[in-house]
mmCIF file of all heavy atoms, coordinates in Angstrom:
data_MODEL
# 
_entry.id   MODEL 
# 
loop_
_atom_site.group_PDB 
_atom_site.id 
_atom_site.type_symbol 
_atom_site.label_atom_id 
_atom_site.label_alt_id 
_atom_site.label_comp_id 
_atom_site.label_asym_id 
_atom_site.label_entity_id 
_atom_site.label_seq_id 
_atom_site.pdbx_PDB_ins_code 
_atom_site.Cartn_x 
_atom_site.Cartn_y 
_atom_site.Cartn_z 
_atom_site.occupancy 
_atom_site.B_iso_or_equiv 
_atom_site.pdbx_formal_charge 
_atom_site.auth_seq_id 
_atom_site.auth_comp_id 
_atom_site.auth_asym_id 
_atom_site.auth_atom_id 
_atom_site.pdbx_PDB_model_num 
ATOM 1   N N   . ILE A 1 1  ? -1.449 2.717   0.944   1.00 0.00 ? 1  ILE A N   1 
ATOM 2   C CA  . ILE A 1 1  ? -0.816 3.551   -0.093  1.00 0.00 ? 1  ILE A CA  1 
ATOM 3   C C   . ILE A 1 1  ? -0.744 2.756   -1.392  1.00 0.00 ? 1  ILE A C   1 
ATOM 4   O O   . ILE A 1 1  ? -0.310 1.607   -1.416  1.00 0.00 ? 1  ILE A O   1 
ATOM 5   C CB  . ILE A 1 1  ? 0.583  4.015   0.359   1.00 0.00 ? 1  ILE A CB  1 
ATOM 6   C CG1 . ILE A 1 1  ? 0.453  4.925   1.590   1.00 0.00 ? 1  ILE A CG1 1 
ATOM 7   C CG2 . ILE A 1 1  ? 1.308  4.745   -0.771  1.00 0.00 ? 1  ILE A CG2 1 
ATOM 8   C CD1 . ILE A 1 1  ? 1.771  5.315   2.214   1.00 0.00 ? 1  ILE A CD1 1 
ATOM 9   N N   . GLY A 1 2  ? -1.168 3.363   -2.479  1.00 0.00 ? 2  GLY A N   1 
ATOM 10  C CA  . GLY A 1 2  ? -1.220 2.667   -3.762  1.00 0.00 ? 2  GLY A CA  1 
ATOM 11  C C   . GLY A 1 2  ? 0.130  2.444   -4.408  1.00 0.00 ? 2  GLY A C   1 
ATOM 12  O O   . GLY A 1 2  ? 0.277  1.570   -5.273  1.00 0.00 ? 2  GLY A O   1 
ATOM 13  N N   . ASP A 1 3  ? 1.128  3.232   -4.036  1.00 0.00 ? 3  ASP A N   1 
ATOM 14  C CA  . ASP A 1 3  ? 2.467  3.064   -4.601  1.00 0.00 ? 3  ASP A CA  1 
ATOM 15  C C   . ASP A 1 3  ? 3.214  1.977   -3.841  1.00 0.00 ? 3  ASP A C   1 
ATOM 16  O O   . ASP A 1 3  ? 3.154  1.926   -2.606  1.00 0.00 ? 3  ASP A O   1 
ATOM 17  C CB  . ASP A 1 3  ? 3.253  4.371   -4.521  1.00 0.00 ? 3  ASP A CB  1 
ATOM 18  C CG  . ASP A 1 3  ? 2.664  5.451   -5.415  1.00 0.00 ? 3  ASP A CG  1 
ATOM 19  O OD1 . ASP A 1 3  ? 2.061  5.089   -6.450  1.00 0.00 ? 3  ASP A OD1 1 
ATOM 20  O OD2 . ASP A 1 3  ? 2.813  6.641   -5.092  1.00 0.00 ? 3  ASP A OD2 1 
ATOM 21  N N   . PRO A 1 4  ? 3.942  1.103   -4.551  1.00 0.00 ? 4  PRO A N   1 
ATOM 22  C CA  . PRO A 1 4  ? 4.753  0.092   -3.874  1.00 0.00 ? 4  PRO A CA  1 
ATOM 23  C C   . PRO A 1 4  ? 5.795  0.737   -2.955  1.00 0.00 ? 4  PRO A C   1 
ATOM 24  O O   . PRO A 1 4  ? 6.472  1.693   -3.342  1.00 0.00 ? 4  PRO A O   1 
ATOM 25  C CB  . PRO A 1 4  ? 5.418  -0.664  -5.024  1.00 0.00 ? 4  PRO A CB  1 
ATOM 26  C CG  . PRO A 1 4  ? 4.499  -0.467  -6.180  1.00 0.00 ? 4  PRO A CG  1 
ATOM 27  C CD  . PRO A 1 4  ? 3.956  0.912   -6.019  1.00 0.00 ? 4  PRO A CD  1 
ATOM 28  N N   . ILE A 1 5  ? 5.931  0.213   -1.730  1.00 0.00 ? 5  ILE A N   1 
ATOM 29  C CA  . ILE A 1 5  ? 6.886  0.719   -0.745  1.00 0.00 ? 5  ILE A CA  1 
ATOM 30  C C   . ILE A 1 5  ? 7.701  -0.451  -0.210  1.00 0.00 ? 5  ILE A C   1 
ATOM 31  O O   . ILE A 1 5  ? 7.176  -1.548  0.002   1.00 0.00 ? 5  ILE A O   1 
ATOM 32  C CB  . ILE A 1 5  ? 6.164  1.434   0.415   1.00 0.00 ? 5  ILE A CB  1 
ATOM 33  C CG1 . ILE A 1 5  ? 5.413  2.665   -0.115  1.00 0.00 ? 5  ILE A CG1 1 
ATOM 34  C CG2 . ILE A 1 5  ? 7.140  1.845   1.524   1.00 0.00 ? 5  ILE A CG2 1 
ATOM 35  C CD1 . ILE A 1 5  ? 4.569  3.356   0.939   1.00 0.00 ? 5  ILE A CD1 1 
ATOM 36  N N   . PHE A 1 6  ? 8.983  -0.199  0.022   1.00 0.00 ? 6  PHE A N   1 
ATOM 37  C CA  . PHE A 1 6  ? 9.844  -1.235  0.592   1.00 0.00 ? 6  PHE A CA  1 
ATOM 38  C C   . PHE A 1 6  ? 10.859 -0.596  1.526   1.00 0.00 ? 6  PHE A C   1 
ATOM 39  O O   . PHE A 1 6  ? 11.162 0.608   1.427   1.00 0.00 ? 6  PHE A O   1 
ATOM 40  C CB  . PHE A 1 6  ? 10.564 -2.028  -0.510  1.00 0.00 ? 6  PHE A CB  1 
ATOM 41  C CG  . PHE A 1 6  ? 11.464 -1.183  -1.376  1.00 0.00 ? 6  PHE A CG  1 
ATOM 42  C CD1 . PHE A 1 6  ? 12.770 -0.887  -0.995  1.00 0.00 ? 6  PHE A CD1 1 
ATOM 43  C CD2 . PHE A 1 6  ? 11.004 -0.683  -2.591  1.00 0.00 ? 6  PHE A CD2 1 
ATOM 44  C CE1 . PHE A 1 6  ? 13.594 -0.120  -1.783  1.00 0.00 ? 6  PHE A CE1 1 
ATOM 45  C CE2 . PHE A 1 6  ? 11.819 0.100   -3.385  1.00 0.00 ? 6  PHE A CE2 1 
ATOM 46  C CZ  . PHE A 1 6  ? 13.123 0.384   -2.978  1.00 0.00 ? 6  PHE A CZ  1 
ATOM 47  N N   . VAL A 1 7  ? 11.386 -1.418  2.458   1.00 0.00 ? 7  VAL A N   1 
ATOM 48  C CA  . VAL A 1 7  ? 12.497 -1.024  3.315   1.00 0.00 ? 7  VAL A CA  1 
ATOM 49  C C   . VAL A 1 7  ? 13.550 -2.121  3.197   1.00 0.00 ? 7  VAL A C   1 
ATOM 50  O O   . VAL A 1 7  ? 13.226 -3.312  3.277   1.00 0.00 ? 7  VAL A O   1 
ATOM 51  C CB  . VAL A 1 7  ? 12.059 -0.860  4.781   1.00 0.00 ? 7  VAL A CB  1 
ATOM 52  C CG1 . VAL A 1 7  ? 13.272 -0.509  5.654   1.00 0.00 ? 7  VAL A CG1 1 
ATOM 53  C CG2 . VAL A 1 7  ? 10.988 0.227   4.904   1.00 0.00 ? 7  VAL A CG2 1 
ATOM 54  N N   . LYS A 1 8  ? 14.812 -1.717  2.981   1.00 0.00 ? 8  LYS A N   1 
ATOM 55  C CA  . LYS A 1 8  ? 15.897 -2.684  2.801   1.00 0.00 ? 8  LYS A CA  1 
ATOM 56  C C   . LYS A 1 8  ? 16.951 -2.482  3.872   1.00 0.00 ? 8  LYS A C   1 
ATOM 57  O O   . LYS A 1 8  ? 17.215 -1.354  4.318   1.00 0.00 ? 8  LYS A O   1 
ATOM 58  C CB  . LYS A 1 8  ? 16.535 -2.528  1.422   1.00 0.00 ? 8  LYS A CB  1 
ATOM 59  C CG  . LYS A 1 8  ? 15.612 -2.917  0.269   1.00 0.00 ? 8  LYS A CG  1 
ATOM 60  C CD  . LYS A 1 8  ? 16.350 -2.884  -1.063  1.00 0.00 ? 8  LYS A CD  1 
ATOM 61  C CE  . LYS A 1 8  ? 15.447 -3.350  -2.210  1.00 0.00 ? 8  LYS A CE  1 
ATOM 62  N NZ  . LYS A 1 8  ? 16.173 -3.390  -3.486  1.00 0.00 ? 8  LYS A NZ  1 
ATOM 63  N N   . ASP A 1 9  ? 17.595 -3.618  4.248   1.00 0.00 ? 9  ASP A N   1 
ATOM 64  C CA  . ASP A 1 9  ? 18.684 -3.528  5.219   1.00 0.00 ? 9  ASP A CA  1 
ATOM 65  C C   . ASP A 1 9  ? 20.002 -3.278  4.483   1.00 0.00 ? 9  ASP A C   1 
ATOM 66  O O   . ASP A 1 9  ? 20.027 -3.053  3.268   1.00 0.00 ? 9  ASP A O   1 
ATOM 67  C CB  . ASP A 1 9  ? 18.759 -4.800  6.069   1.00 0.00 ? 9  ASP A CB  1 
ATOM 68  C CG  . ASP A 1 9  ? 19.010 -6.045  5.222   1.00 0.00 ? 9  ASP A CG  1 
ATOM 69  O OD1 . ASP A 1 9  ? 19.436 -5.912  4.049   1.00 0.00 ? 9  ASP A OD1 1 
ATOM 70  O OD2 . ASP A 1 9  ? 18.775 -7.160  5.731   1.00 0.00 ? 9  ASP A OD2 1 
ATOM 71  N N   . HIS A 1 10 ? 21.108 -3.343  5.242   1.00 0.00 ? 10 HIS A N   1 
ATOM 72  C CA  . HIS A 1 10 ? 22.418 -3.029  4.670   1.00 0.00 ? 10 HIS A CA  1 
ATOM 73  C C   . HIS A 1 10 ? 22.842 -4.039  3.610   1.00 0.00 ? 10 HIS A C   1 
ATOM 74  O O   . HIS A 1 10 ? 23.692 -3.742  2.753   1.00 0.00 ? 10 HIS A O   1 
ATOM 75  C CB  . HIS A 1 10 ? 23.474 -2.946  5.784   1.00 0.00 ? 10 HIS A CB  1 
ATOM 76  C CG  . HIS A 1 10 ? 24.676 -2.159  5.377   1.00 0.00 ? 10 HIS A CG  1 
ATOM 77  N ND1 . HIS A 1 10 ? 25.713 -2.701  4.666   1.00 0.00 ? 10 HIS A ND1 1 
ATOM 78  C CD2 . HIS A 1 10 ? 24.979 -0.842  5.580   1.00 0.00 ? 10 HIS A CD2 1 
ATOM 79  C CE1 . HIS A 1 10 ? 26.620 -1.772  4.441   1.00 0.00 ? 10 HIS A CE1 1 
ATOM 80  N NE2 . HIS A 1 10 ? 26.201 -0.624  4.993   1.00 0.00 ? 10 HIS A NE2 1 
ATOM 81  N N   . GLN A 1 11 ? 22.272 -5.233  3.643   1.00 0.00 ? 11 GLN A N   1 
ATOM 82  C CA  . GLN A 1 11 ? 22.579 -6.243  2.624   1.00 0.00 ? 11 GLN A CA  1 
ATOM 83  C C   . GLN A 1 11 ? 21.627 -6.140  1.432   1.00 0.00 ? 11 GLN A C   1 
ATOM 84  O O   . GLN A 1 11 ? 21.596 -7.029  0.578   1.00 0.00 ? 11 GLN A O   1 
ATOM 85  C CB  . GLN A 1 11 ? 22.477 -7.652  3.228   1.00 0.00 ? 11 GLN A CB  1 
ATOM 86  C CG  . GLN A 1 11 ? 23.669 -8.060  4.075   1.00 0.00 ? 11 GLN A CG  1 
ATOM 87  C CD  . GLN A 1 11 ? 23.671 -7.347  5.417   1.00 0.00 ? 11 GLN A CD  1 
ATOM 88  O OE1 . GLN A 1 11 ? 22.622 -7.213  6.061   1.00 0.00 ? 11 GLN A OE1 1 
ATOM 89  N NE2 . GLN A 1 11 ? 24.844 -6.884  5.840   1.00 0.00 ? 11 GLN A NE2 1 
ATOM 90  N N   . LEU A 1 12 ? 20.869 -5.042  1.384   1.00 0.00 ? 12 LEU A N   1 
ATOM 91  C CA  . LEU A 1 12 ? 19.944 -4.750  0.292   1.00 0.00 ? 12 LEU A CA  1 
ATOM 92  C C   . LEU A 1 12 ? 18.827 -5.787  0.191   1.00 0.00 ? 12 LEU A C   1 
ATOM 93  O O   . LEU A 1 12 ? 18.275 -6.028  -0.880  1.00 0.00 ? 12 LEU A O   1 
ATOM 94  C CB  . LEU A 1 12 ? 20.686 -4.633  -1.057  1.00 0.00 ? 12 LEU A CB  1 
ATOM 95  C CG  . LEU A 1 12 ? 21.868 -3.657  -1.088  1.00 0.00 ? 12 LEU A CG  1 
ATOM 96  C CD1 . LEU A 1 12 ? 22.492 -3.614  -2.475  1.00 0.00 ? 12 LEU A CD1 1 
ATOM 97  C CD2 . LEU A 1 12 ? 21.421 -2.257  -0.670  1.00 0.00 ? 12 LEU A CD2 1 
ATOM 98  N N   . ARG A 1 13 ? 18.475 -6.388  1.341   1.00 0.00 ? 13 ARG A N   1 
ATOM 99  C CA  . ARG A 1 13 ? 17.365 -7.331  1.404   1.00 0.00 ? 13 ARG A CA  1 
ATOM 100 C C   . ARG A 1 13 ? 16.120 -6.625  1.931   1.00 0.00 ? 13 ARG A C   1 
ATOM 101 O O   . ARG A 1 13 ? 16.213 -5.748  2.793   1.00 0.00 ? 13 ARG A O   1 
ATOM 102 C CB  . ARG A 1 13 ? 17.708 -8.518  2.317   1.00 0.00 ? 13 ARG A CB  1 
ATOM 103 C CG  . ARG A 1 13 ? 18.849 -9.395  1.805   1.00 0.00 ? 13 ARG A CG  1 
ATOM 104 C CD  . ARG A 1 13 ? 18.955 -10.658 2.671   1.00 0.00 ? 13 ARG A CD  1 
ATOM 105 N NE  . ARG A 1 13 ? 19.235 -10.317 4.057   1.00 0.00 ? 13 ARG A NE  1 
ATOM 106 C CZ  . ARG A 1 13 ? 20.442 -10.375 4.621   1.00 0.00 ? 13 ARG A CZ  1 
ATOM 107 N NH1 . ARG A 1 13 ? 21.480 -10.766 3.896   1.00 0.00 ? 13 ARG A NH1 1 
ATOM 108 N NH2 . ARG A 1 13 ? 20.607 -10.057 5.884   1.00 0.00 ? 13 ARG A NH2 1 
ATOM 109 N N   . ASN A 1 14 ? 14.962 -7.037  1.427   1.00 0.00 ? 14 ASN A N   1 
ATOM 110 C CA  . ASN A 1 14 ? 13.697 -6.445  1.875   1.00 0.00 ? 14 ASN A CA  1 
ATOM 111 C C   . ASN A 1 14 ? 13.416 -6.867  3.316   1.00 0.00 ? 14 ASN A C   1 
ATOM 112 O O   . ASN A 1 14 ? 13.454 -8.051  3.641   1.00 0.00 ? 14 ASN A O   1 
ATOM 113 C CB  . ASN A 1 14 ? 12.540 -6.906  0.987   1.00 0.00 ? 14 ASN A CB  1 
ATOM 114 C CG  . ASN A 1 14 ? 12.615 -6.333  -0.419  1.00 0.00 ? 14 ASN A CG  1 
ATOM 115 O OD1 . ASN A 1 14 ? 13.001 -5.186  -0.605  1.00 0.00 ? 14 ASN A OD1 1 
ATOM 116 N ND2 . ASN A 1 14 ? 12.255 -7.127  -1.411  1.00 0.00 ? 14 ASN A ND2 1 
ATOM 117 N N   . VAL A 1 15 ? 13.130 -5.877  4.162   1.00 0.00 ? 15 VAL A N   1 
ATOM 118 C CA  . VAL A 1 15 ? 12.711 -6.173  5.533   1.00 0.00 ? 15 VAL A CA  1 
ATOM 119 C C   . VAL A 1 15 ? 11.276 -5.713  5.762   1.00 0.00 ? 15 VAL A C   1 
ATOM 120 O O   . VAL A 1 15 ? 10.668 -6.082  6.765   1.00 0.00 ? 15 VAL A O   1 
ATOM 121 C CB  . VAL A 1 15 ? 13.655 -5.508  6.556   1.00 0.00 ? 15 VAL A CB  1 
ATOM 122 C CG1 . VAL A 1 15 ? 15.056 -6.094  6.451   1.00 0.00 ? 15 VAL A CG1 1 
ATOM 123 C CG2 . VAL A 1 15 ? 13.687 -3.985  6.375   1.00 0.00 ? 15 VAL A CG2 1 
ATOM 124 N N   . LEU A 1 16 ? 10.726 -4.948  4.813   1.00 0.00 ? 16 LEU A N   1 
ATOM 125 C CA  . LEU A 1 16 ? 9.329  -4.513  4.906   1.00 0.00 ? 16 LEU A CA  1 
ATOM 126 C C   . LEU A 1 16 ? 8.836  -4.216  3.498   1.00 0.00 ? 16 LEU A C   1 
ATOM 127 O O   . LEU A 1 16 ? 9.533  -3.577  2.703   1.00 0.00 ? 16 LEU A O   1 
ATOM 128 C CB  . LEU A 1 16 ? 9.201  -3.270  5.788   1.00 0.00 ? 16 LEU A CB  1 
ATOM 129 C CG  . LEU A 1 16 ? 7.772  -2.763  6.068   1.00 0.00 ? 16 LEU A CG  1 
ATOM 130 C CD1 . LEU A 1 16 ? 7.680  -2.163  7.467   1.00 0.00 ? 16 LEU A CD1 1 
ATOM 131 C CD2 . LEU A 1 16 ? 7.330  -1.731  5.033   1.00 0.00 ? 16 LEU A CD2 1 
ATOM 132 N N   . VAL A 1 17 ? 7.636  -4.689  3.195   1.00 0.00 ? 17 VAL A N   1 
ATOM 133 C CA  . VAL A 1 17 ? 6.999  -4.393  1.899   1.00 0.00 ? 17 VAL A CA  1 
ATOM 134 C C   . VAL A 1 17 ? 5.520  -4.151  2.157   1.00 0.00 ? 17 VAL A C   1 
ATOM 135 O O   . VAL A 1 17 ? 4.960  -4.636  3.135   1.00 0.00 ? 17 VAL A O   1 
ATOM 136 C CB  . VAL A 1 17 ? 7.169  -5.555  0.895   1.00 0.00 ? 17 VAL A CB  1 
ATOM 137 C CG1 . VAL A 1 17 ? 8.629  -5.755  0.527   1.00 0.00 ? 17 VAL A CG1 1 
ATOM 138 C CG2 . VAL A 1 17 ? 6.583  -6.856  1.453   1.00 0.00 ? 17 VAL A CG2 1 
ATOM 139 N N   . ASN A 1 18 ? 4.871  -3.390  1.277   1.00 0.00 ? 18 ASN A N   1 
ATOM 140 C CA  . ASN A 1 18 ? 3.422  -3.175  1.437   1.00 0.00 ? 18 ASN A CA  1 
ATOM 141 C C   . ASN A 1 18 ? 2.657  -3.991  0.398   1.00 0.00 ? 18 ASN A C   1 
ATOM 142 O O   . ASN A 1 18 ? 3.233  -4.662  -0.470  1.00 0.00 ? 18 ASN A O   1 
ATOM 143 C CB  . ASN A 1 18 ? 3.088  -1.684  1.350   1.00 0.00 ? 18 ASN A CB  1 
ATOM 144 C CG  . ASN A 1 18 ? 3.284  -1.117  -0.055  1.00 0.00 ? 18 ASN A CG  1 
ATOM 145 O OD1 . ASN A 1 18 ? 3.951  -1.723  -0.875  1.00 0.00 ? 18 ASN A OD1 1 
ATOM 146 N ND2 . ASN A 1 18 ? 2.704  0.048   -0.305  1.00 0.00 ? 18 ASN A ND2 1 
ATOM 147 N N   . LYS A 1 19 ? 1.332  -3.926  0.515   1.00 0.00 ? 19 LYS A N   1 
ATOM 148 C CA  . LYS A 1 19 ? 0.487  -4.728  -0.361  1.00 0.00 ? 19 LYS A CA  1 
ATOM 149 C C   . LYS A 1 19 ? 0.663  -4.350  -1.825  1.00 0.00 ? 19 LYS A C   1 
ATOM 150 O O   . LYS A 1 19 ? 0.586  -5.203  -2.711  1.00 0.00 ? 19 LYS A O   1 
ATOM 151 C CB  . LYS A 1 19 ? -0.987 -4.557  0.043   1.00 0.00 ? 19 LYS A CB  1 
ATOM 152 C CG  . LYS A 1 19 ? -1.371 -5.274  1.321   1.00 0.00 ? 19 LYS A CG  1 
ATOM 153 C CD  . LYS A 1 19 ? -2.857 -5.099  1.595   1.00 0.00 ? 19 LYS A CD  1 
ATOM 154 C CE  . LYS A 1 19 ? -3.271 -5.851  2.863   1.00 0.00 ? 19 LYS A CE  1 
ATOM 155 N NZ  . LYS A 1 19 ? -4.722 -5.686  3.146   1.00 0.00 ? 19 LYS A NZ  1 
ATOM 156 N N   . ALA A 1 20 ? 0.881  -3.069  -2.089  1.00 0.00 ? 20 ALA A N   1 
ATOM 157 C CA  . ALA A 1 20 ? 1.013  -2.616  -3.476  1.00 0.00 ? 20 ALA A CA  1 
ATOM 158 C C   . ALA A 1 20 ? 2.216  -3.275  -4.146  1.00 0.00 ? 20 ALA A C   1 
ATOM 159 O O   . ALA A 1 20 ? 2.160  -3.646  -5.321  1.00 0.00 ? 20 ALA A O   1 
ATOM 160 C CB  . ALA A 1 20 ? 1.145  -1.097  -3.511  1.00 0.00 ? 20 ALA A CB  1 
ATOM 161 N N   . LEU A 1 21 ? 3.318  -3.443  -3.390  1.00 0.00 ? 21 LEU A N   1 
ATOM 162 C CA  . LEU A 1 21 ? 4.500  -4.097  -3.965  1.00 0.00 ? 21 LEU A CA  1 
ATOM 163 C C   . LEU A 1 21 ? 4.215  -5.584  -4.207  1.00 0.00 ? 21 LEU A C   1 
ATOM 164 O O   . LEU A 1 21 ? 4.650  -6.141  -5.226  1.00 0.00 ? 21 LEU A O   1 
ATOM 165 C CB  . LEU A 1 21 ? 5.704  -3.925  -3.038  1.00 0.00 ? 21 LEU A CB  1 
ATOM 166 C CG  . LEU A 1 21 ? 7.031  -4.462  -3.594  1.00 0.00 ? 21 LEU A CG  1 
ATOM 167 C CD1 . LEU A 1 21 ? 7.418  -3.723  -4.872  1.00 0.00 ? 21 LEU A CD1 1 
ATOM 168 C CD2 . LEU A 1 21 ? 8.151  -4.324  -2.565  1.00 0.00 ? 21 LEU A CD2 1 
ATOM 169 N N   . CYS A 1 22 ? 3.482  -6.205  -3.295  1.00 0.00 ? 22 CYS A N   1 
ATOM 170 C CA  . CYS A 1 22 ? 3.109  -7.611  -3.486  1.00 0.00 ? 22 CYS A CA  1 
ATOM 171 C C   . CYS A 1 22 ? 2.259  -7.781  -4.740  1.00 0.00 ? 22 CYS A C   1 
ATOM 172 O O   . CYS A 1 22 ? 2.474  -8.686  -5.544  1.00 0.00 ? 22 CYS A O   1 
ATOM 173 C CB  . CYS A 1 22 ? 2.354  -8.132  -2.267  1.00 0.00 ? 22 CYS A CB  1 
ATOM 174 S SG  . CYS A 1 22 ? 3.328  -8.161  -0.745  1.00 0.00 ? 22 CYS A SG  1 
ATOM 175 N N   . ALA A 1 23 ? 1.291  -6.868  -4.907  1.00 0.00 ? 23 ALA A N   1 
ATOM 176 C CA  . ALA A 1 23 ? 0.415  -6.948  -6.074  1.00 0.00 ? 23 ALA A CA  1 
ATOM 177 C C   . ALA A 1 23 ? 1.195  -6.699  -7.365  1.00 0.00 ? 23 ALA A C   1 
ATOM 178 O O   . ALA A 1 23 ? 0.963  -7.359  -8.383  1.00 0.00 ? 23 ALA A O   1 
ATOM 179 C CB  . ALA A 1 23 ? -0.725 -5.937  -5.935  1.00 0.00 ? 23 ALA A CB  1 
ATOM 180 N N   . TRP A 1 24 ? 2.132  -5.762  -7.309  1.00 0.00 ? 24 TRP A N   1 
ATOM 181 C CA  . TRP A 1 24 ? 2.885  -5.402  -8.522  1.00 0.00 ? 24 TRP A CA  1 
ATOM 182 C C   . TRP A 1 24 ? 3.801  -6.534  -8.959  1.00 0.00 ? 24 TRP A C   1 
ATOM 183 O O   . TRP A 1 24 ? 3.958  -6.790  -10.147 1.00 0.00 ? 24 TRP A O   1 
ATOM 184 C CB  . TRP A 1 24 ? 3.692  -4.129  -8.257  1.00 0.00 ? 24 TRP A CB  1 
ATOM 185 C CG  . TRP A 1 24 ? 4.113  -3.422  -9.516  1.00 0.00 ? 24 TRP A CG  1 
ATOM 186 C CD1 . TRP A 1 24 ? 3.351  -2.604  -10.295 1.00 0.00 ? 24 TRP A CD1 1 
ATOM 187 C CD2 . TRP A 1 24 ? 5.387  -3.505  -10.139 1.00 0.00 ? 24 TRP A CD2 1 
ATOM 188 N NE1 . TRP A 1 24 ? 4.074  -2.158  -11.364 1.00 0.00 ? 24 TRP A NE1 1 
ATOM 189 C CE2 . TRP A 1 24 ? 5.336  -2.691  -11.301 1.00 0.00 ? 24 TRP A CE2 1 
ATOM 190 C CE3 . TRP A 1 24 ? 6.577  -4.171  -9.833  1.00 0.00 ? 24 TRP A CE3 1 
ATOM 191 C CZ2 . TRP A 1 24 ? 6.418  -2.531  -12.152 1.00 0.00 ? 24 TRP A CZ2 1 
ATOM 192 C CZ3 . TRP A 1 24 ? 7.656  -4.013  -10.691 1.00 0.00 ? 24 TRP A CZ3 1 
ATOM 193 C CH2 . TRP A 1 24 ? 7.582  -3.199  -11.836 1.00 0.00 ? 24 TRP A CH2 1 
ATOM 194 N N   . THR A 1 25 ? 4.412  -7.219  -7.977  1.00 0.00 ? 25 THR A N   1 
ATOM 195 C CA  . THR A 1 25 ? 5.337  -8.315  -8.312  1.00 0.00 ? 25 THR A CA  1 
ATOM 196 C C   . THR A 1 25 ? 4.613  -9.648  -8.467  1.00 0.00 ? 25 THR A C   1 
ATOM 197 O O   . THR A 1 25 ? 5.187  -10.608 -8.997  1.00 0.00 ? 25 THR A O   1 
ATOM 198 C CB  . THR A 1 25 ? 6.410  -8.453  -7.218  1.00 0.00 ? 25 THR A CB  1 
ATOM 199 O OG1 . THR A 1 25 ? 5.763  -8.698  -5.956  1.00 0.00 ? 25 THR A OG1 1 
ATOM 200 C CG2 . THR A 1 25 ? 7.261  -7.204  -7.131  1.00 0.00 ? 25 THR A CG2 1 
ATOM 201 N N   . GLY A 1 26 ? 3.337  -9.726  -7.976  1.00 0.00 ? 26 GLY A N   1 
ATOM 202 C CA  . GLY A 1 26 ? 2.607  -10.988 -8.041  1.00 0.00 ? 26 GLY A CA  1 
ATOM 203 C C   . GLY A 1 26 ? 3.104  -12.011 -7.028  1.00 0.00 ? 26 GLY A C   1 
ATOM 204 O O   . GLY A 1 26 ? 2.928  -13.224 -7.229  1.00 0.00 ? 26 GLY A O   1 
# 
């Protein structure tokens, strides 16, 4: 998926990210 995707836990920490988010943040 070309759009950045993330999943966060209750502490608002990333527990899953896709390649698009990695590319966008560098």
